[in-house]
Protein backbone atom coordinates (compact mmCIF):
# COMPACT_ATOMS: atom_id res chain seq x y z
CA THR A 1 -5.59 -0.08 -10.64
CA MET A 2 -3.69 1.56 -7.82
CA THR A 3 -6.39 4.14 -7.08
CA ALA A 4 -9.22 1.59 -7.27
CA GLY A 5 -7.37 -0.59 -4.76
CA MET A 6 -7.01 2.38 -2.42
CA ALA A 7 -10.71 3.17 -2.70
CA PHE A 8 -11.69 -0.46 -2.13
CA ALA A 9 -9.43 -0.74 0.93
CA ARG A 10 -10.92 2.46 2.35
CA ALA A 11 -14.44 1.12 1.79
CA MET A 12 -13.47 -2.12 3.53
CA SER A 13 -12.02 -0.15 6.44
CA GLN A 14 -15.26 1.80 6.78
CA SER A 15 -17.27 -1.42 6.70
CA PHE A 16 -15.04 -2.88 9.42
CA ASP A 17 -15.90 0.20 11.50
CA GLU A 18 -19.59 -0.71 11.20
CA VAL A 19 -19.35 -4.45 11.85
CA GLU A 20 -18.33 -5.19 15.41
CA GLY A 21 -15.51 -7.70 15.72
CA SER A 22 -14.31 -7.40 12.12
CA SER A 23 -10.95 -5.98 11.06
CA TRP A 24 -8.13 -6.23 8.55
CA ALA A 25 -6.71 -8.99 10.76
CA ASP A 26 -9.50 -11.21 9.37
CA VAL A 27 -8.19 -10.83 5.79
CA THR A 28 -5.89 -13.70 4.85
CA HIS A 29 -5.27 -13.17 1.12
CA LEU A 30 -4.68 -10.24 -1.19
CA GLY A 31 -4.00 -10.37 -4.91
CA GLY A 32 -4.04 -8.27 -8.01
CA ASN A 33 -2.57 -7.68 -11.40
CA SER A 34 -1.07 -4.64 -13.08
CA GLY A 35 -1.92 -1.54 -11.02
CA GLY A 36 -3.78 -3.73 -8.56
CA GLN A 37 -0.54 -5.50 -7.74
CA TRP A 38 1.22 -2.16 -7.31
CA PHE A 39 -1.44 -1.41 -4.72
CA ALA A 40 -1.27 -4.87 -3.10
CA SER A 41 2.52 -4.66 -2.72
CA GLN A 42 2.39 -1.24 -1.04
CA PHE A 43 -0.59 -2.26 1.07
CA ALA A 44 1.03 -5.46 2.35
CA LEU A 45 4.63 -4.27 2.73
CA SER A 46 4.46 -0.60 3.73
CA ARG A 47 3.02 0.10 7.17
CA PRO A 48 2.77 3.88 6.53
CA PHE A 49 0.82 3.19 3.30
CA PHE A 50 -1.47 0.69 5.03
CA ASP A 51 -2.12 3.08 7.91
CA ALA A 52 -2.83 6.04 5.63
CA VAL A 53 -5.46 4.06 3.72
CA THR A 54 -7.06 2.19 6.64
CA ARG A 55 -6.74 4.28 9.80
CA LYS A 56 -8.52 7.34 11.08
CA GLY A 57 -6.51 10.35 12.19
CA ALA A 58 -6.42 11.90 15.66
CA ASP A 59 -9.54 13.87 14.67
CA GLY A 60 -11.49 10.63 14.18
CA GLU A 61 -11.74 11.12 10.42
CA TYR A 62 -10.15 9.32 7.51
CA ARG A 63 -7.66 11.35 5.49
CA SER A 64 -9.01 12.13 2.03
CA LEU A 65 -7.77 9.68 -0.59
CA GLU A 66 -7.19 12.61 -2.94
CA ASP A 67 -4.78 14.19 -0.47
CA PHE A 68 -3.06 10.90 0.34
CA PHE A 69 -2.65 9.92 -3.31
CA ALA A 70 -1.19 13.34 -4.19
CA GLU A 71 1.39 13.00 -1.39
CA TRP A 72 2.16 9.40 -2.34
CA GLY A 73 2.71 10.49 -5.96
CA ARG A 74 5.08 13.26 -4.92
CA GLN A 75 7.11 10.88 -2.75
CA TYR A 76 7.20 8.26 -5.52
CA ALA A 77 8.42 10.81 -8.08
CA LYS A 78 11.00 12.14 -5.63
CA GLY A 79 12.38 8.65 -5.11
CA LEU A 80 12.26 7.87 -8.81
CA TYR A 81 14.12 10.98 -9.94
CA PHE A 82 16.41 11.86 -7.06
CA SER A 83 17.41 8.62 -5.33
CA PRO A 84 20.59 6.80 -6.26
CA PRO A 85 20.01 3.66 -8.30
CA PRO A 86 19.67 0.56 -6.15
CA GLU A 87 22.39 -2.05 -6.08
CA VAL A 88 21.09 -5.43 -7.13
CA HIS A 89 22.97 -8.62 -6.35
CA VAL A 90 21.48 -11.70 -7.95
CA TYR A 91 22.52 -15.05 -6.58
CA ASN A 92 23.03 -17.72 -9.23
CA ASN A 93 21.60 -20.86 -7.67
CA CYS A 94 23.08 -23.12 -10.34
CA ALA A 95 26.65 -21.84 -10.00
CA GLY A 96 26.40 -21.08 -6.28
CA GLU A 97 27.72 -17.54 -6.72
CA GLU A 98 26.67 -13.98 -7.43
């Protein structure tokens, strides 16, 4: 699920802190299904999301996952309910047109 992925990524980040020379740069693959893929997509494609889960703040501490997840949920709901619908243009490869 989304929250399990966040917790796992945080645990990995903490282990990287303890093992000299290891980092997220060493990870080459990421996969998931259902909520795990929701997590993987955000983790791989959103720098702010990645940083919030994996980086320590200016105080040297990780932000609580509870706090981060609550903020993420509020932003998600805000976008879901108050953003204009996206425009989608699908290219038809067979016909060579939209």
